[in-house]
Amino acid sequence: MPAGRELLESVYAFARARAQARLQGRGLDEERRRSLTSQLRHLHWAYAEAKMVGTDAALAAAIDVCRKAAMRDAEHPEYDPL
């Protein structure tokens, strides 16, 4: 399913970039930093699992995880709702 792989790459790249930007923000307390780090790890884990397994179900699950993360930044100019 090449379209699924391309969509995963696109959504993951956007969500990862936004998560890393939030993590690099100044003035984060330890609990917030830990939460953001956990979110970033979860995002990467879903992506890596989908790439390793490669089934349509794994790709769909990872896309859902990445979309949910990307929707946190729906106001960002690079956000694409598709």
PDB file of N, CA and C in Angstrom:
ATOM      1  N   MET A   1       0.840  -1.184   0.000  1.00  0.00           N
ATOM      2  CA  MET A   1       0.000   0.000   0.000  1.00  0.00           C
ATOM      3  C   MET A   1       0.884   1.247   0.000  1.00  0.00           C
ATOM      4  N   PRO A   2       1.419   1.637  -1.136  1.00  0.00           N
ATOM      5  CA  PRO A   2       2.332   2.775  -1.213  1.00  0.00           C
ATOM      6  C   PRO A   2       1.709   4.083  -0.735  1.00  0.00           C
ATOM      7  N   ALA A   3       0.447   4.309  -1.030  1.00  0.00           N
ATOM      8  CA  ALA A   3      -0.192   5.550  -0.600  1.00  0.00           C
ATOM      9  C   ALA A   3      -0.207   5.637   0.916  1.00  0.00           C
ATOM     10  N   GLY A   4      -0.436   4.510   1.589  1.00  0.00           N
ATOM     11  CA  GLY A   4      -0.436   4.477   3.051  1.00  0.00           C
ATOM     12  C   GLY A   4       0.939   4.792   3.608  1.00  0.00           C
ATOM     13  N   ARG A   5       1.959   4.274   2.977  1.00  0.00           N
ATOM     14  CA  ARG A   5       3.328   4.542   3.426  1.00  0.00           C
ATOM     15  C   ARG A   5       3.678   6.021   3.233  1.00  0.00           C
ATOM     16  N   GLU A   6       3.279   6.573   2.108  1.00  0.00           N
ATOM     17  CA  GLU A   6       3.554   7.997   1.854  1.00  0.00           C
ATOM     18  C   GLU A   6       2.805   8.881   2.845  1.00  0.00           C
ATOM     19  N   LEU A   7       1.563   8.533   3.119  1.00  0.00           N
ATOM     20  CA  LEU A   7       0.772   9.293   4.091  1.00  0.00           C
ATOM     21  C   LEU A   7       1.403   9.196   5.474  1.00  0.00           C
ATOM     22  N   LEU A   8       1.828   8.017   5.860  1.00  0.00           N
ATOM     23  CA  LEU A   8       2.487   7.836   7.153  1.00  0.00           C
ATOM     24  C   LEU A   8       3.738   8.701   7.245  1.00  0.00           C
ATOM     25  N   GLU A   9       4.553   8.686   6.216  1.00  0.00           N
ATOM     26  CA  GLU A   9       5.780   9.498   6.212  1.00  0.00           C
ATOM     27  C   GLU A   9       5.461  10.978   6.388  1.00  0.00           C
ATOM     28  N   SER A  10       4.467  11.437   5.655  1.00  0.00           N
ATOM     29  CA  SER A  10       4.094  12.846   5.689  1.00  0.00           C
ATOM     30  C   SER A  10       3.551  13.264   7.054  1.00  0.00           C
ATOM     31  N   VAL A  11       2.602  12.508   7.568  1.00  0.00           N
ATOM     32  CA  VAL A  11       1.983  12.855   8.851  1.00  0.00           C
ATOM     33  C   VAL A  11       2.988  12.706   9.981  1.00  0.00           C
ATOM     34  N   TYR A  12       3.801  11.666   9.929  1.00  0.00           N
ATOM     35  CA  TYR A  12       4.814  11.459  10.967  1.00  0.00           C
ATOM     36  C   TYR A  12       5.824  12.605  10.983  1.00  0.00           C
ATOM     37  N   ALA A  13       6.289  13.022   9.819  1.00  0.00           N
ATOM     38  CA  ALA A  13       7.279  14.103   9.754  1.00  0.00           C
ATOM     39  C   ALA A  13       6.722  15.395  10.362  1.00  0.00           C
ATOM     40  N   PHE A  14       5.483  15.716  10.045  1.00  0.00           N
ATOM     41  CA  PHE A  14       4.866  16.926  10.598  1.00  0.00           C
ATOM     42  C   PHE A  14       4.707  16.808  12.111  1.00  0.00           C
ATOM     43  N   ALA A  15       4.136  15.695  12.571  1.00  0.00           N
ATOM     44  CA  ALA A  15       3.878  15.521  14.006  1.00  0.00           C
ATOM     45  C   ALA A  15       5.184  15.484  14.795  1.00  0.00           C
ATOM     46  N   ARG A  16       6.193  14.819  14.265  1.00  0.00           N
ATOM     47  CA  ARG A  16       7.492  14.740  14.951  1.00  0.00           C
ATOM     48  C   ARG A  16       8.129  16.120  15.054  1.00  0.00           C
ATOM     49  N   ALA A  17       8.101  16.876  13.984  1.00  0.00           N
ATOM     50  CA  ALA A  17       8.697  18.217  13.995  1.00  0.00           C
ATOM     51  C   ALA A  17       8.019  19.120  15.013  1.00  0.00           C
ATOM     52  N   ARG A  18       6.698  19.067  15.067  1.00  0.00           N
ATOM     53  CA  ARG A  18       5.972  19.893  16.037  1.00  0.00           C
ATOM     54  C   ARG A  18       6.244  19.439  17.469  1.00  0.00           C
ATOM     55  N   ALA A  19       6.303  18.128  17.688  1.00  0.00           N
ATOM     56  CA  ALA A  19       6.574  17.602  19.032  1.00  0.00           C
ATOM     57  C   ALA A  19       7.979  17.993  19.486  1.00  0.00           C
ATOM     58  N   GLN A  20       8.944  17.912  18.590  1.00  0.00           N
ATOM     59  CA  GLN A  20      10.309  18.303  18.937  1.00  0.00           C
ATOM     60  C   GLN A  20      10.387  19.794  19.233  1.00  0.00           C
ATOM     61  N   ALA A  21       9.643  20.600  18.494  1.00  0.00           N
ATOM     62  CA  ALA A  21       9.644  22.045  18.730  1.00  0.00           C
ATOM     63  C   ALA A  21       9.068  22.359  20.113  1.00  0.00           C
ATOM     64  N   ARG A  22       7.982  21.666  20.483  1.00  0.00           N
ATOM     65  CA  ARG A  22       7.410  21.874  21.817  1.00  0.00           C
ATOM     66  C   ARG A  22       8.392  21.446  22.903  1.00  0.00           C
ATOM     67  N   LEU A  23       9.083  20.365  22.671  1.00  0.00           N
ATOM     68  CA  LEU A  23      10.036  19.831  23.650  1.00  0.00           C
ATOM     69  C   LEU A  23      11.218  20.771  23.842  1.00  0.00           C
ATOM     70  N   GLN A  24      11.593  21.490  22.808  1.00  0.00           N
ATOM     71  CA  GLN A  24      12.720  22.411  22.895  1.00  0.00           C
ATOM     72  C   GLN A  24      12.323  23.773  23.447  1.00  0.00           C
ATOM     73  N   GLY A  25      11.038  23.933  23.760  1.00  0.00           N
ATOM     74  CA  GLY A  25      10.567  25.207  24.300  1.00  0.00           C
ATOM     75  C   GLY A  25      11.210  25.522  25.642  1.00  0.00           C
ATOM     76  N   ARG A  26      11.326  26.770  25.919  1.00  0.00           N
ATOM     77  CA  ARG A  26      11.930  27.203  27.173  1.00  0.00           C
ATOM     78  C   ARG A  26      10.874  27.244  28.276  1.00  0.00           C
ATOM     79  N   GLY A  27      11.347  27.123  29.490  1.00  0.00           N
ATOM     80  CA  GLY A  27      10.471  27.258  30.639  1.00  0.00           C
ATOM     81  C   GLY A  27       9.589  26.055  30.923  1.00  0.00           C
ATOM     82  N   LEU A  28       9.949  24.888  30.397  1.00  0.00           N
ATOM     83  CA  LEU A  28       9.163  23.696  30.662  1.00  0.00           C
ATOM     84  C   LEU A  28       9.543  23.123  32.025  1.00  0.00           C
ATOM     85  N   ASP A  29       8.539  22.790  32.813  1.00  0.00           N
ATOM     86  CA  ASP A  29       8.860  22.126  34.071  1.00  0.00           C
ATOM     87  C   ASP A  29       9.157  20.649  33.792  1.00  0.00           C
ATOM     88  N   GLU A  30       9.659  19.952  34.784  1.00  0.00           N
ATOM     89  CA  GLU A  30      10.106  18.570  34.593  1.00  0.00           C
ATOM     90  C   GLU A  30       8.954  17.649  34.188  1.00  0.00           C
ATOM     91  N   GLU A  31       7.793  17.840  34.775  1.00  0.00           N
ATOM     92  CA  GLU A  31       6.651  16.985  34.444  1.00  0.00           C
ATOM     93  C   GLU A  31       6.204  17.193  32.997  1.00  0.00           C
ATOM     94  N   ARG A  32       6.157  18.432  32.550  1.00  0.00           N
ATOM     95  CA  ARG A  32       5.762  18.724  31.165  1.00  0.00           C
ATOM     96  C   ARG A  32       6.797  18.177  30.183  1.00  0.00           C
ATOM     97  N   ARG A  33       8.072  18.322  30.518  1.00  0.00           N
ATOM     98  CA  ARG A  33       9.137  17.801  29.660  1.00  0.00           C
ATOM     99  C   ARG A  33       9.035  16.272  29.545  1.00  0.00           C
ATOM    100  N   ARG A  34       8.757  15.617  30.673  1.00  0.00           N
ATOM    101  CA  ARG A  34       8.616  14.161  30.663  1.00  0.00           C
ATOM    102  C   ARG A  34       7.416  13.744  29.810  1.00  0.00           C
ATOM    103  N   SER A  35       6.317  14.480  29.926  1.00  0.00           N
ATOM    104  CA  SER A  35       5.122  14.177  29.148  1.00  0.00           C
ATOM    105  C   SER A  35       5.377  14.345  27.648  1.00  0.00           C
ATOM    106  N   LEU A  36       6.034  15.420  27.278  1.00  0.00           N
ATOM    107  CA  LEU A  36       6.348  15.660  25.864  1.00  0.00           C
ATOM    108  C   LEU A  36       7.310  14.614  25.321  1.00  0.00           C
ATOM    109  N   THR A  37       8.278  14.210  26.131  1.00  0.00           N
ATOM    110  CA  THR A  37       9.220  13.169  25.719  1.00  0.00           C
ATOM    111  C   THR A  37       8.485  11.855  25.511  1.00  0.00           C
ATOM    112  N   SER A  38       7.564  11.550  26.393  1.00  0.00           N
ATOM    113  CA  SER A  38       6.773  10.328  26.267  1.00  0.00           C
ATOM    114  C   SER A  38       5.930  10.349  24.997  1.00  0.00           C
ATOM    115  N   GLN A  39       5.317  11.488  24.696  1.00  0.00           N
ATOM    116  CA  GLN A  39       4.521  11.617  23.479  1.00  0.00           C
ATOM    117  C   GLN A  39       5.380  11.415  22.234  1.00  0.00           C
ATOM    118  N   LEU A  40       6.570  11.974  22.248  1.00  0.00           N
ATOM    119  CA  LEU A  40       7.478  11.831  21.106  1.00  0.00           C
ATOM    120  C   LEU A  40       7.917  10.378  20.941  1.00  0.00           C
ATOM    121  N   ARG A  41       8.211   9.714  22.044  1.00  0.00           N
ATOM    122  CA  ARG A  41       8.591   8.291  21.971  1.00  0.00           C
ATOM    123  C   ARG A  41       7.450   7.438  21.452  1.00  0.00           C
ATOM    124  N   HIS A  42       6.232   7.722  21.906  1.00  0.00           N
ATOM    125  CA  HIS A  42       5.065   6.964  21.450  1.00  0.00           C
ATOM    126  C   HIS A  42       4.872   7.146  19.943  1.00  0.00           C
ATOM    127  N   LEU A  43       5.033   8.350  19.489  1.00  0.00           N
ATOM    128  CA  LEU A  43       4.919   8.658  18.067  1.00  0.00           C
ATOM    129  C   LEU A  43       5.967   7.872  17.270  1.00  0.00           C
ATOM    130  N   HIS A  44       7.203   7.909  17.740  1.00  0.00           N
ATOM    131  CA  HIS A  44       8.270   7.194  17.039  1.00  0.00           C
ATOM    132  C   HIS A  44       8.052   5.688  17.090  1.00  0.00           C
ATOM    133  N   TRP A  45       7.595   5.183  18.234  1.00  0.00           N
ATOM    134  CA  TRP A  45       7.359   3.749  18.350  1.00  0.00           C
ATOM    135  C   TRP A  45       6.307   3.293  17.342  1.00  0.00           C
ATOM    136  N   ALA A  46       5.201   4.033  17.233  1.00  0.00           N
ATOM    137  CA  ALA A  46       4.147   3.668  16.291  1.00  0.00           C
ATOM    138  C   ALA A  46       4.684   3.666  14.858  1.00  0.00           C
ATOM    139  N   TYR A  47       5.472   4.675  14.530  1.00  0.00           N
ATOM    140  CA  TYR A  47       6.060   4.777  13.190  1.00  0.00           C
ATOM    141  C   TYR A  47       7.005   3.601  12.919  1.00  0.00           C
ATOM    142  N   ALA A  48       7.898   3.337  13.852  1.00  0.00           N
ATOM    143  CA  ALA A  48       8.876   2.259  13.673  1.00  0.00           C
ATOM    144  C   ALA A  48       8.194   0.900  13.580  1.00  0.00           C
ATOM    145  N   GLU A  49       7.189   0.679  14.395  1.00  0.00           N
ATOM    146  CA  GLU A  49       6.448  -0.586  14.371  1.00  0.00           C
ATOM    147  C   GLU A  49       5.769  -0.786  13.014  1.00  0.00           C
ATOM    148  N   ALA A  50       5.155   0.256  12.500  1.00  0.00           N
ATOM    149  CA  ALA A  50       4.485   0.155  11.202  1.00  0.00           C
ATOM    150  C   ALA A  50       5.488  -0.132  10.092  1.00  0.00           C
ATOM    151  N   LYS A  51       6.641   0.515  10.147  1.00  0.00           N
ATOM    152  CA  LYS A  51       7.669   0.288   9.128  1.00  0.00           C
ATOM    153  C   LYS A  51       8.195  -1.149   9.210  1.00  0.00           C
ATOM    154  N   MET A  52       8.345  -1.659  10.428  1.00  0.00           N
ATOM    155  CA  MET A  52       8.886  -3.000  10.600  1.00  0.00           C
ATOM    156  C   MET A  52       7.871  -4.066  10.181  1.00  0.00           C
ATOM    157  N   VAL A  53       6.632  -3.928  10.642  1.00  0.00           N
ATOM    158  CA  VAL A  53       5.603  -4.924  10.351  1.00  0.00           C
ATOM    159  C   VAL A  53       5.137  -4.802   8.904  1.00  0.00           C
ATOM    160  N   GLY A  54       4.816  -3.591   8.493  1.00  0.00           N
ATOM    161  CA  GLY A  54       4.486  -3.331   7.096  1.00  0.00           C
ATOM    162  C   GLY A  54       3.101  -3.737   6.640  1.00  0.00           C
ATOM    163  N   THR A  55       2.275  -4.245   7.535  1.00  0.00           N
ATOM    164  CA  THR A  55       0.923  -4.623   7.110  1.00  0.00           C
ATOM    165  C   THR A  55       0.037  -3.386   7.010  1.00  0.00           C
ATOM    166  N   ASP A  56      -1.060  -3.533   6.291  1.00  0.00           N
ATOM    167  CA  ASP A  56      -2.001  -2.425   6.162  1.00  0.00           C
ATOM    168  C   ASP A  56      -2.556  -2.010   7.520  1.00  0.00           C
ATOM    169  N   ALA A  57      -2.810  -2.988   8.376  1.00  0.00           N
ATOM    170  CA  ALA A  57      -3.351  -2.682   9.707  1.00  0.00           C
ATOM    171  C   ALA A  57      -2.340  -1.891  10.541  1.00  0.00           C
ATOM    172  N   ALA A  58      -1.081  -2.269  10.473  1.00  0.00           N
ATOM    173  CA  ALA A  58      -0.043  -1.554  11.221  1.00  0.00           C
ATOM    174  C   ALA A  58       0.127  -0.138  10.692  1.00  0.00           C
ATOM    175  N   LEU A  59       0.087   0.008   9.375  1.00  0.00           N
ATOM    176  CA  LEU A  59       0.187   1.345   8.782  1.00  0.00           C
ATOM    177  C   LEU A  59      -0.994   2.220   9.197  1.00  0.00           C
ATOM    178  N   ALA A  60      -2.193   1.654   9.158  1.00  0.00           N
ATOM    179  CA  ALA A  60      -3.387   2.413   9.534  1.00  0.00           C
ATOM    180  C   ALA A  60      -3.325   2.847  11.003  1.00  0.00           C
ATOM    181  N   ALA A  61      -2.873   1.947  11.866  1.00  0.00           N
ATOM    182  CA  ALA A  61      -2.772   2.279  13.288  1.00  0.00           C
ATOM    183  C   ALA A  61      -1.751   3.393  13.517  1.00  0.00           C
ATOM    184  N   ALA A  62      -0.619   3.313  12.850  1.00  0.00           N
ATOM    185  CA  ALA A  62       0.413   4.342  13.000  1.00  0.00           C
ATOM    186  C   ALA A  62      -0.056   5.676  12.430  1.00  0.00           C
ATOM    187  N   ILE A  63      -0.769   5.642  11.322  1.00  0.00           N
ATOM    188  CA  ILE A  63      -1.307   6.871  10.747  1.00  0.00           C
ATOM    189  C   ILE A  63      -2.285   7.517  11.729  1.00  0.00           C
ATOM    190  N   ASP A  64      -3.113   6.700  12.382  1.00  0.00           N
ATOM    191  CA  ASP A  64      -4.049   7.241  13.374  1.00  0.00           C
ATOM    192  C   ASP A  64      -3.313   7.914  14.528  1.00  0.00           C
ATOM    193  N   VAL A  65      -2.261   7.279  15.022  1.00  0.00           N
ATOM    194  CA  VAL A  65      -1.466   7.854  16.113  1.00  0.00           C
ATOM    195  C   VAL A  65      -0.843   9.176  15.665  1.00  0.00           C
ATOM    196  N   CYS A  66      -0.269   9.185  14.477  1.00  0.00           N
ATOM    197  CA  CYS A  66       0.388  10.393  13.969  1.00  0.00           C
ATOM    198  C   CYS A  66      -0.622  11.503  13.683  1.00  0.00           C
ATOM    199  N   ARG A  67      -1.782  11.144  13.164  1.00  0.00           N
ATOM    200  CA  ARG A  67      -2.824  12.153  12.905  1.00  0.00           C
ATOM    201  C   ARG A  67      -3.296  12.796  14.199  1.00  0.00           C
ATOM    202  N   LYS A  68      -3.473  11.969  15.221  1.00  0.00           N
ATOM    203  CA  LYS A  68      -3.906  12.508  16.509  1.00  0.00           C
ATOM    204  C   LYS A  68      -2.879  13.510  17.031  1.00  0.00           C
ATOM    205  N   ALA A  69      -1.611  13.160  16.905  1.00  0.00           N
ATOM    206  CA  ALA A  69      -0.550  14.066  17.343  1.00  0.00           C
ATOM    207  C   ALA A  69      -0.520  15.324  16.475  1.00  0.00           C
ATOM    208  N   ALA A  70      -0.715  15.164  15.186  1.00  0.00           N
ATOM    209  CA  ALA A  70      -0.684  16.315  14.270  1.00  0.00           C
ATOM    210  C   ALA A  70      -1.852  17.259  14.521  1.00  0.00           C
ATOM    211  N   MET A  71      -2.979  16.721  14.936  1.00  0.00           N
ATOM    212  CA  MET A  71      -4.153  17.557  15.174  1.00  0.00           C
ATOM    213  C   MET A  71      -3.956  18.499  16.360  1.00  0.00           C
ATOM    214  N   ARG A  72      -3.002  18.220  17.220  1.00  0.00           N
ATOM    215  CA  ARG A  72      -2.683  19.151  18.311  1.00  0.00           C
ATOM    216  C   ARG A  72      -2.180  20.483  17.754  1.00  0.00           C
ATOM    217  N   ASP A  73      -1.663  20.437  16.535  1.00  0.00           N
ATOM    218  CA  ASP A  73      -1.102  21.627  15.898  1.00  0.00           C
ATOM    219  C   ASP A  73      -1.901  22.032  14.666  1.00  0.00           C
ATOM    220  N   ALA A  74      -3.197  21.897  14.753  1.00  0.00           N
ATOM    221  CA  ALA A  74      -4.066  22.209  13.611  1.00  0.00           C
ATOM    222  C   ALA A  74      -3.978  23.675  13.190  1.00  0.00           C
ATOM    223  N   GLU A  75      -3.542  24.543  14.083  1.00  0.00           N
ATOM    224  CA  GLU A  75      -3.423  25.964  13.764  1.00  0.00           C
ATOM    225  C   GLU A  75      -2.101  26.316  13.066  1.00  0.00           C
ATOM    226  N   HIS A  76      -1.207  25.349  12.995  1.00  0.00           N
ATOM    227  CA  HIS A  76       0.095  25.594  12.367  1.00  0.00           C
ATOM    228  C   HIS A  76      -0.091  25.786  10.859  1.00  0.00           C
ATOM    229  N   PRO A  77       0.645  26.721  10.243  1.00  0.00           N
ATOM    230  CA  PRO A  77       0.467  26.985   8.807  1.00  0.00           C
ATOM    231  C   PRO A  77       0.786  25.790   7.911  1.00  0.00           C
ATOM    232  N   GLU A  78       1.614  24.874   8.342  1.00  0.00           N
ATOM    233  CA  GLU A  78       1.963  23.711   7.524  1.00  0.00           C
ATOM    234  C   GLU A  78       1.014  22.539   7.722  1.00  0.00           C
ATOM    235  N   TYR A  79       0.044  22.684   8.611  1.00  0.00           N
ATOM    236  CA  TYR A  79      -0.904  21.601   8.881  1.00  0.00           C
ATOM    237  C   TYR A  79      -1.762  21.325   7.665  1.00  0.00           C
ATOM    238  N   ASP A  80      -1.883  20.046   7.313  1.00  0.00           N
ATOM    239  CA  ASP A  80      -2.723  19.631   6.196  1.00  0.00           C
ATOM    240  C   ASP A  80      -3.779  18.674   6.743  1.00  0.00           C
ATOM    241  N   PRO A  81      -5.039  19.059   6.743  1.00  0.00           N
ATOM    242  CA  PRO A  81      -6.070  18.204   7.345  1.00  0.00           C
ATOM    243  C   PRO A  81      -6.295  16.884   6.613  1.00  0.00           C
ATOM    244  N   LEU A  82      -5.779  16.743   5.430  1.00  0.00           N
ATOM    245  CA  LEU A  82      -5.937  15.489   4.709  1.00  0.00           C
ATOM    246  C   LEU A  82      -4.889  14.527   5.144  1.00  0.00           C
TER     247      LEU A  82
END
